[in-house]
N, C-alpha and C. Protein backbone atom coordinates (compact mmCIF):
# COMPACT_ATOMS: atom_id res chain seq x y z
N MET A 1 140.25 102.40 111.67
CA MET A 1 138.84 102.14 111.53
C MET A 1 138.41 101.22 112.67
N SER A 2 137.38 101.61 113.39
CA SER A 2 136.92 100.79 114.51
C SER A 2 136.05 99.65 114.01
N LYS A 3 136.05 98.59 114.80
CA LYS A 3 135.25 97.43 114.45
C LYS A 3 133.80 97.70 114.82
N PHE A 4 132.91 97.33 113.93
CA PHE A 4 131.48 97.55 114.12
C PHE A 4 130.87 96.26 114.62
N ASN A 5 130.38 96.28 115.85
CA ASN A 5 129.72 95.10 116.42
C ASN A 5 128.26 95.10 116.02
N ILE A 6 127.81 94.00 115.45
CA ILE A 6 126.43 93.89 115.02
C ILE A 6 125.58 93.40 116.18
N ASP A 7 124.54 94.15 116.48
CA ASP A 7 123.61 93.82 117.55
C ASP A 7 122.38 93.17 116.92
N ASN A 8 122.33 91.85 116.94
CA ASN A 8 121.23 91.12 116.31
C ASN A 8 119.89 91.47 116.94
N ASP A 9 119.85 91.70 118.24
CA ASP A 9 118.59 92.07 118.89
C ASP A 9 118.07 93.41 118.37
N ALA A 10 118.98 94.36 118.16
CA ALA A 10 118.58 95.66 117.64
C ALA A 10 118.01 95.52 116.23
N ILE A 11 118.62 94.68 115.42
CA ILE A 11 118.13 94.45 114.06
C ILE A 11 116.74 93.82 114.11
N ARG A 12 116.55 92.86 114.98
CA ARG A 12 115.22 92.23 115.12
C ARG A 12 114.17 93.26 115.55
N GLN A 13 114.54 94.13 116.50
CA GLN A 13 113.61 95.15 116.97
C GLN A 13 113.26 96.12 115.84
N LEU A 14 114.24 96.49 115.03
CA LEU A 14 113.97 97.37 113.90
C LEU A 14 113.06 96.68 112.88
N ALA A 15 113.29 95.39 112.64
CA ALA A 15 112.43 94.64 111.71
C ALA A 15 111.00 94.57 112.24
N GLU A 16 110.85 94.37 113.54
CA GLU A 16 109.51 94.35 114.14
C GLU A 16 108.84 95.72 114.01
N LEU A 17 109.63 96.78 114.17
CA LEU A 17 109.10 98.13 114.03
C LEU A 17 108.60 98.37 112.60
N LEU A 18 109.32 97.83 111.62
CA LEU A 18 108.86 97.93 110.23
C LEU A 18 107.50 97.27 110.09
N ASP A 19 107.35 96.09 110.65
CA ASP A 19 106.07 95.38 110.57
C ASP A 19 104.97 96.13 111.30
N ASP A 20 105.26 96.64 112.48
CA ASP A 20 104.25 97.32 113.29
C ASP A 20 103.76 98.61 112.64
N THR A 21 104.63 99.33 111.95
CA THR A 21 104.29 100.64 111.39
C THR A 21 104.05 100.62 109.89
N ASN A 22 104.22 99.46 109.25
CA ASN A 22 104.05 99.33 107.80
C ASN A 22 105.01 100.22 107.01
N LEU A 23 106.17 100.52 107.58
CA LEU A 23 107.18 101.29 106.87
C LEU A 23 107.96 100.34 105.95
N THR A 24 108.64 100.90 104.96
CA THR A 24 109.42 100.07 104.05
C THR A 24 110.89 100.01 104.44
N GLU A 25 111.36 101.02 105.17
CA GLU A 25 112.75 100.97 105.64
C GLU A 25 112.93 101.87 106.84
N ILE A 26 113.98 101.59 107.60
CA ILE A 26 114.31 102.39 108.77
C ILE A 26 115.83 102.36 108.93
N GLU A 27 116.38 103.47 109.39
CA GLU A 27 117.83 103.56 109.59
C GLU A 27 118.09 104.26 110.91
N VAL A 28 119.03 103.73 111.67
CA VAL A 28 119.46 104.37 112.91
C VAL A 28 120.97 104.54 112.86
N ALA A 29 121.44 105.57 113.55
CA ALA A 29 122.86 105.84 113.56
C ALA A 29 123.30 106.18 114.97
N ALA A 30 124.50 105.73 115.31
CA ALA A 30 125.13 106.07 116.58
C ALA A 30 126.60 106.31 116.27
N GLY A 31 126.98 107.57 116.28
CA GLY A 31 128.36 107.91 115.91
C GLY A 31 128.58 107.60 114.43
N ASP A 32 129.62 106.83 114.14
CA ASP A 32 129.92 106.45 112.76
C ASP A 32 129.19 105.18 112.35
N ASN A 33 128.52 104.52 113.26
CA ASN A 33 127.84 103.26 112.97
C ASN A 33 126.40 103.51 112.54
N ARG A 34 125.99 102.81 111.49
CA ARG A 34 124.63 102.92 110.98
C ARG A 34 124.07 101.53 110.74
N ILE A 35 122.77 101.38 111.03
CA ILE A 35 122.06 100.14 110.71
C ILE A 35 120.84 100.54 109.90
N ARG A 36 120.69 99.95 108.73
CA ARG A 36 119.53 100.21 107.87
C ARG A 36 118.84 98.88 107.63
N VAL A 37 117.54 98.84 107.92
CA VAL A 37 116.74 97.65 107.68
C VAL A 37 115.67 98.04 106.68
N ALA A 38 115.58 97.31 105.58
CA ALA A 38 114.60 97.62 104.53
C ALA A 38 113.83 96.37 104.16
N ARG A 39 112.59 96.60 103.82
CA ARG A 39 111.72 95.51 103.38
C ARG A 39 111.67 95.55 101.86
N GLN A 40 111.83 94.41 101.24
CA GLN A 40 111.73 94.33 99.79
C GLN A 40 110.26 94.23 99.41
N GLY A 41 109.90 94.87 98.31
CA GLY A 41 108.52 94.82 97.85
C GLY A 41 108.19 93.44 97.31
N THR A 42 107.25 92.76 97.95
CA THR A 42 106.82 91.44 97.47
C THR A 42 105.38 91.50 96.99
N MET A 43 104.82 92.68 96.84
CA MET A 43 103.44 92.84 96.44
C MET A 43 103.25 92.67 94.93
N VAL A 44 104.29 92.42 94.17
CA VAL A 44 104.21 92.33 92.72
C VAL A 44 103.31 91.20 92.28
N ALA A 45 103.28 90.08 93.00
CA ALA A 45 102.48 88.93 92.60
C ALA A 45 100.99 89.19 92.72
N ALA A 46 100.54 90.04 93.62
CA ALA A 46 99.12 90.27 93.82
C ALA A 46 98.44 90.88 92.59
N PRO A 47 98.98 91.92 91.93
CA PRO A 47 98.31 92.46 90.77
C PRO A 47 98.30 91.51 89.57
N ALA A 48 99.18 90.52 89.54
CA ALA A 48 99.23 89.60 88.42
C ALA A 48 98.06 88.63 88.41
N ALA A 49 97.38 88.46 89.53
CA ALA A 49 96.24 87.55 89.61
C ALA A 49 95.06 88.10 88.83
N ALA A 50 94.30 87.25 88.18
CA ALA A 50 93.16 87.65 87.36
C ALA A 50 92.08 88.38 88.15
N PRO A 51 91.68 87.93 89.37
CA PRO A 51 90.63 88.65 90.09
C PRO A 51 91.03 90.09 90.43
N ALA A 52 92.28 90.37 90.61
CA ALA A 52 92.70 91.72 90.95
C ALA A 52 92.60 92.67 89.78
N ALA A 53 92.55 92.15 88.56
CA ALA A 53 92.50 93.00 87.38
C ALA A 53 91.18 93.76 87.30
N ALA A 54 90.08 93.19 87.72
CA ALA A 54 88.78 93.86 87.63
C ALA A 54 88.70 95.08 88.54
N PRO A 55 89.13 95.03 89.82
CA PRO A 55 89.02 96.21 90.66
C PRO A 55 90.04 97.30 90.35
N ALA A 56 91.02 97.05 89.49
CA ALA A 56 92.07 98.03 89.24
C ALA A 56 91.54 99.38 88.79
N PRO A 57 90.55 99.48 87.88
CA PRO A 57 90.06 100.80 87.50
C PRO A 57 89.45 101.55 88.68
N ALA A 58 88.82 100.88 89.61
CA ALA A 58 88.25 101.56 90.78
C ALA A 58 89.36 102.08 91.70
N ALA A 59 90.49 101.39 91.75
CA ALA A 59 91.59 101.81 92.61
C ALA A 59 92.33 103.01 92.04
N ALA A 60 92.32 103.19 90.73
CA ALA A 60 93.06 104.28 90.10
C ALA A 60 92.57 105.65 90.55
N PRO A 61 91.25 105.94 90.59
CA PRO A 61 90.83 107.25 91.06
C PRO A 61 91.19 107.48 92.53
N ALA A 62 91.14 106.44 93.35
CA ALA A 62 91.51 106.60 94.75
C ALA A 62 92.98 106.99 94.87
N ALA A 63 93.84 106.43 94.03
CA ALA A 63 95.25 106.77 94.06
C ALA A 63 95.47 108.19 93.56
N ALA A 64 94.61 108.67 92.67
CA ALA A 64 94.77 110.01 92.13
C ALA A 64 94.41 111.07 93.17
N ALA A 65 93.50 110.77 94.07
CA ALA A 65 93.06 111.75 95.06
C ALA A 65 94.20 112.27 95.94
N PRO A 66 95.08 111.40 96.51
CA PRO A 66 96.16 111.94 97.32
C PRO A 66 97.11 112.84 96.54
N SER A 67 97.38 112.52 95.25
CA SER A 67 98.28 113.36 94.49
C SER A 67 97.64 114.72 94.23
N ASP A 68 96.31 114.76 94.03
CA ASP A 68 95.62 116.04 93.88
C ASP A 68 95.73 116.84 95.17
N ALA A 69 95.54 116.17 96.30
CA ALA A 69 95.65 116.84 97.59
C ALA A 69 97.07 117.37 97.81
N GLY A 70 98.06 116.62 97.36
CA GLY A 70 99.45 117.03 97.52
C GLY A 70 99.80 118.26 96.72
N SER A 71 99.10 118.49 95.61
CA SER A 71 99.38 119.66 94.78
C SER A 71 98.53 120.86 95.19
N HIS A 72 97.61 120.67 96.13
CA HIS A 72 96.77 121.76 96.63
C HIS A 72 97.66 122.80 97.31
N PRO A 73 97.44 124.08 97.05
CA PRO A 73 98.30 125.11 97.67
C PRO A 73 98.21 125.18 99.19
N GLY A 74 97.13 124.67 99.76
CA GLY A 74 96.99 124.69 101.21
C GLY A 74 97.36 123.38 101.88
N ALA A 75 97.99 122.47 101.13
CA ALA A 75 98.34 121.16 101.69
C ALA A 75 99.50 121.29 102.67
N VAL A 76 99.33 120.69 103.83
CA VAL A 76 100.41 120.60 104.81
C VAL A 76 100.96 119.18 104.68
N LYS A 77 102.23 119.07 104.28
CA LYS A 77 102.83 117.76 104.02
C LYS A 77 103.72 117.33 105.17
N SER A 78 103.86 116.03 105.29
CA SER A 78 104.68 115.47 106.36
C SER A 78 106.16 115.76 106.09
N PRO A 79 106.86 116.32 107.07
CA PRO A 79 108.28 116.59 106.90
C PRO A 79 109.16 115.37 107.21
N MET A 80 108.51 114.25 107.63
CA MET A 80 109.28 113.08 108.04
C MET A 80 108.41 111.83 107.97
N VAL A 81 109.05 110.70 108.12
CA VAL A 81 108.36 109.42 108.24
C VAL A 81 108.08 109.19 109.72
N GLY A 82 106.89 108.76 110.04
CA GLY A 82 106.55 108.51 111.44
C GLY A 82 105.09 108.16 111.61
N VAL A 83 104.61 108.24 112.83
CA VAL A 83 103.21 107.95 113.15
C VAL A 83 102.56 109.25 113.58
N VAL A 84 101.40 109.55 113.00
CA VAL A 84 100.73 110.82 113.25
C VAL A 84 99.72 110.67 114.40
N TYR A 85 99.69 111.71 115.24
CA TYR A 85 98.74 111.77 116.35
C TYR A 85 98.08 113.15 116.34
N PHE A 86 96.76 113.19 116.43
CA PHE A 86 96.04 114.45 116.39
C PHE A 86 95.72 115.02 117.76
N ALA A 87 96.10 114.32 118.82
CA ALA A 87 95.88 114.80 120.18
C ALA A 87 97.19 114.71 120.96
N PRO A 88 97.36 115.56 121.98
CA PRO A 88 98.62 115.55 122.73
C PRO A 88 98.82 114.28 123.56
N GLU A 89 97.72 113.58 123.89
CA GLU A 89 97.80 112.33 124.63
C GLU A 89 96.50 111.57 124.41
N PRO A 90 96.50 110.25 124.64
CA PRO A 90 95.28 109.47 124.44
C PRO A 90 94.13 110.01 125.30
N GLY A 91 92.97 110.15 124.69
CA GLY A 91 91.79 110.63 125.40
C GLY A 91 91.65 112.14 125.44
N ALA A 92 92.67 112.87 125.04
CA ALA A 92 92.62 114.34 125.05
C ALA A 92 91.91 114.84 123.79
N ALA A 93 91.46 116.07 123.82
CA ALA A 93 90.83 116.69 122.66
C ALA A 93 91.87 116.84 121.54
N PRO A 94 91.45 116.63 120.29
CA PRO A 94 92.39 116.78 119.18
C PRO A 94 92.81 118.24 118.99
N PHE A 95 93.99 118.42 118.41
CA PHE A 95 94.49 119.76 118.12
C PHE A 95 93.57 120.48 117.14
N ILE A 96 93.09 119.75 116.11
CA ILE A 96 92.27 120.34 115.05
C ILE A 96 91.14 119.38 114.68
N SER A 97 90.16 119.93 113.97
CA SER A 97 89.10 119.12 113.36
C SER A 97 88.70 119.83 112.07
N VAL A 98 87.99 119.14 111.20
CA VAL A 98 87.55 119.76 109.95
C VAL A 98 86.63 120.92 110.30
N GLY A 99 86.92 122.07 109.69
CA GLY A 99 86.13 123.27 109.95
C GLY A 99 86.74 124.19 110.98
N SER A 100 87.74 123.73 111.71
CA SER A 100 88.34 124.60 112.73
C SER A 100 89.27 125.62 112.09
N SER A 101 89.32 126.80 112.70
CA SER A 101 90.22 127.85 112.24
C SER A 101 91.55 127.69 112.96
N VAL A 102 92.64 127.88 112.21
CA VAL A 102 93.97 127.76 112.79
C VAL A 102 94.77 129.03 112.51
N SER A 103 95.71 129.30 113.37
CA SER A 103 96.62 130.44 113.21
C SER A 103 97.96 129.93 112.75
N GLU A 104 98.69 130.78 112.05
CA GLU A 104 100.04 130.41 111.62
C GLU A 104 100.87 130.05 112.85
N GLY A 105 101.54 128.90 112.79
CA GLY A 105 102.38 128.45 113.88
C GLY A 105 101.68 127.58 114.90
N GLN A 106 100.35 127.46 114.80
CA GLN A 106 99.59 126.62 115.72
C GLN A 106 99.90 125.15 115.47
N THR A 107 99.98 124.36 116.53
CA THR A 107 100.22 122.92 116.39
C THR A 107 98.99 122.26 115.80
N LEU A 108 99.20 121.52 114.70
CA LEU A 108 98.12 120.80 114.04
C LEU A 108 98.05 119.35 114.49
N MET A 109 99.23 118.78 114.72
CA MET A 109 99.34 117.37 115.08
C MET A 109 100.76 117.09 115.53
N LEU A 110 101.01 115.86 115.96
CA LEU A 110 102.35 115.40 116.32
C LEU A 110 102.70 114.23 115.42
N ILE A 111 103.97 114.14 115.05
CA ILE A 111 104.46 112.97 114.35
C ILE A 111 105.55 112.37 115.21
N GLU A 112 105.34 111.10 115.58
CA GLU A 112 106.33 110.38 116.38
C GLU A 112 107.32 109.72 115.44
N ALA A 113 108.57 110.05 115.63
CA ALA A 113 109.66 109.46 114.84
C ALA A 113 110.82 109.22 115.80
N MET A 114 111.29 108.00 115.85
CA MET A 114 112.42 107.64 116.72
C MET A 114 112.11 107.97 118.18
N LYS A 115 110.89 107.70 118.60
CA LYS A 115 110.42 107.90 119.97
C LYS A 115 110.44 109.37 120.40
N THR A 116 110.38 110.26 119.42
CA THR A 116 110.32 111.70 119.68
C THR A 116 109.06 112.23 119.03
N PHE A 117 108.29 113.03 119.78
CA PHE A 117 107.07 113.62 119.26
C PHE A 117 107.40 115.00 118.69
N ASN A 118 107.20 115.15 117.38
CA ASN A 118 107.53 116.38 116.68
C ASN A 118 106.25 117.14 116.34
N PRO A 119 106.11 118.38 116.81
CA PRO A 119 104.90 119.13 116.48
C PRO A 119 104.92 119.57 115.01
N ILE A 120 103.80 119.42 114.35
CA ILE A 120 103.64 119.90 112.98
C ILE A 120 102.77 121.14 113.08
N ARG A 121 103.32 122.27 112.67
CA ARG A 121 102.66 123.56 112.87
C ARG A 121 102.05 124.07 111.56
N ALA A 122 101.01 124.87 111.69
CA ALA A 122 100.33 125.45 110.54
C ALA A 122 101.27 126.44 109.84
N PRO A 123 101.48 126.27 108.53
CA PRO A 123 102.34 127.22 107.82
C PRO A 123 101.65 128.55 107.55
N LYS A 124 100.31 128.57 107.68
CA LYS A 124 99.56 129.80 107.46
C LYS A 124 98.26 129.73 108.25
N SER A 125 97.63 130.87 108.41
CA SER A 125 96.32 130.92 109.07
C SER A 125 95.25 130.52 108.07
N GLY A 126 94.17 129.95 108.56
CA GLY A 126 93.08 129.58 107.68
C GLY A 126 92.13 128.61 108.34
N LYS A 127 91.36 127.93 107.51
CA LYS A 127 90.34 126.98 107.97
C LYS A 127 90.73 125.58 107.50
N VAL A 128 90.65 124.60 108.40
CA VAL A 128 90.96 123.21 108.05
C VAL A 128 89.77 122.68 107.25
N THR A 129 90.02 122.35 105.96
CA THR A 129 88.93 121.84 105.12
C THR A 129 88.98 120.33 104.95
N GLN A 130 90.16 119.74 105.12
CA GLN A 130 90.29 118.29 105.01
C GLN A 130 91.38 117.80 105.94
N ILE A 131 91.15 116.64 106.54
CA ILE A 131 92.19 115.94 107.28
C ILE A 131 92.41 114.63 106.54
N LEU A 132 93.60 114.48 105.95
CA LEU A 132 93.88 113.35 105.08
C LEU A 132 94.55 112.19 105.80
N ALA A 133 95.25 112.46 106.87
CA ALA A 133 95.94 111.41 107.62
C ALA A 133 94.98 110.80 108.64
N THR A 134 95.33 109.61 109.11
CA THR A 134 94.53 108.91 110.12
C THR A 134 95.31 108.85 111.42
N ASP A 135 94.65 109.22 112.50
CA ASP A 135 95.28 109.24 113.82
C ASP A 135 95.84 107.86 114.18
N GLY A 136 97.10 107.85 114.60
CA GLY A 136 97.74 106.61 115.03
C GLY A 136 98.29 105.76 113.90
N HIS A 137 98.26 106.25 112.67
CA HIS A 137 98.76 105.49 111.53
C HIS A 137 100.05 106.11 110.99
N PRO A 138 100.88 105.29 110.33
CA PRO A 138 102.13 105.81 109.79
C PRO A 138 101.91 106.72 108.59
N VAL A 139 102.81 107.66 108.44
CA VAL A 139 102.83 108.55 107.29
C VAL A 139 104.22 108.54 106.69
N GLU A 140 104.30 108.82 105.41
CA GLU A 140 105.56 108.87 104.69
C GLU A 140 105.99 110.33 104.52
N TYR A 141 107.24 110.51 104.17
CA TYR A 141 107.78 111.85 103.89
C TYR A 141 107.00 112.47 102.74
N ASP A 142 106.64 113.72 102.84
CA ASP A 142 105.99 114.52 101.80
C ASP A 142 104.54 114.09 101.54
N GLU A 143 103.98 113.26 102.41
CA GLU A 143 102.58 112.85 102.28
C GLU A 143 101.69 113.99 102.76
N PRO A 144 100.64 114.35 101.98
CA PRO A 144 99.74 115.40 102.45
C PRO A 144 98.96 114.94 103.68
N LEU A 145 98.92 115.79 104.70
CA LEU A 145 98.28 115.45 105.96
C LEU A 145 96.98 116.20 106.17
N VAL A 146 96.98 117.49 105.85
CA VAL A 146 95.85 118.38 106.12
C VAL A 146 95.78 119.41 104.99
N ILE A 147 94.57 119.87 104.70
CA ILE A 147 94.38 120.99 103.76
C ILE A 147 93.87 122.18 104.56
N ILE A 148 94.59 123.30 104.45
CA ILE A 148 94.18 124.56 105.09
C ILE A 148 93.89 125.58 103.98
N GLU A 149 92.68 126.14 104.02
CA GLU A 149 92.33 127.17 103.01
C GLU A 149 92.11 128.50 103.68
């Protein structure tokens, strides 16, 4: 068994990446060596406060909307965790917009994961009726990104 040297700078960089992208965990691997950095949920104290109890009913319908979008038959979901981009480069025209027609296999957006830009392609032809993700923001695995009808 080889000795695993811990690179403290790499761990710090991964922790900073968690903060920058609002992700909860990240893992990198090189050969047999793996480093996983995870953030523990500390948001539990916020809902316990009395002022937060009043807005809770208003937040519940907002939370229900993404799950409804995720069950939509035309939902295109994220295949990975990363940052979504709707244009090939800053300042360029976006790949899609609400109301645009798309063909099966057409690039809808890019998701940057591990410094690699991955094209997300349309699973079917149709019309883009909703764009649920925000350009330049992180997305989670299986999160609905776009609705195509």
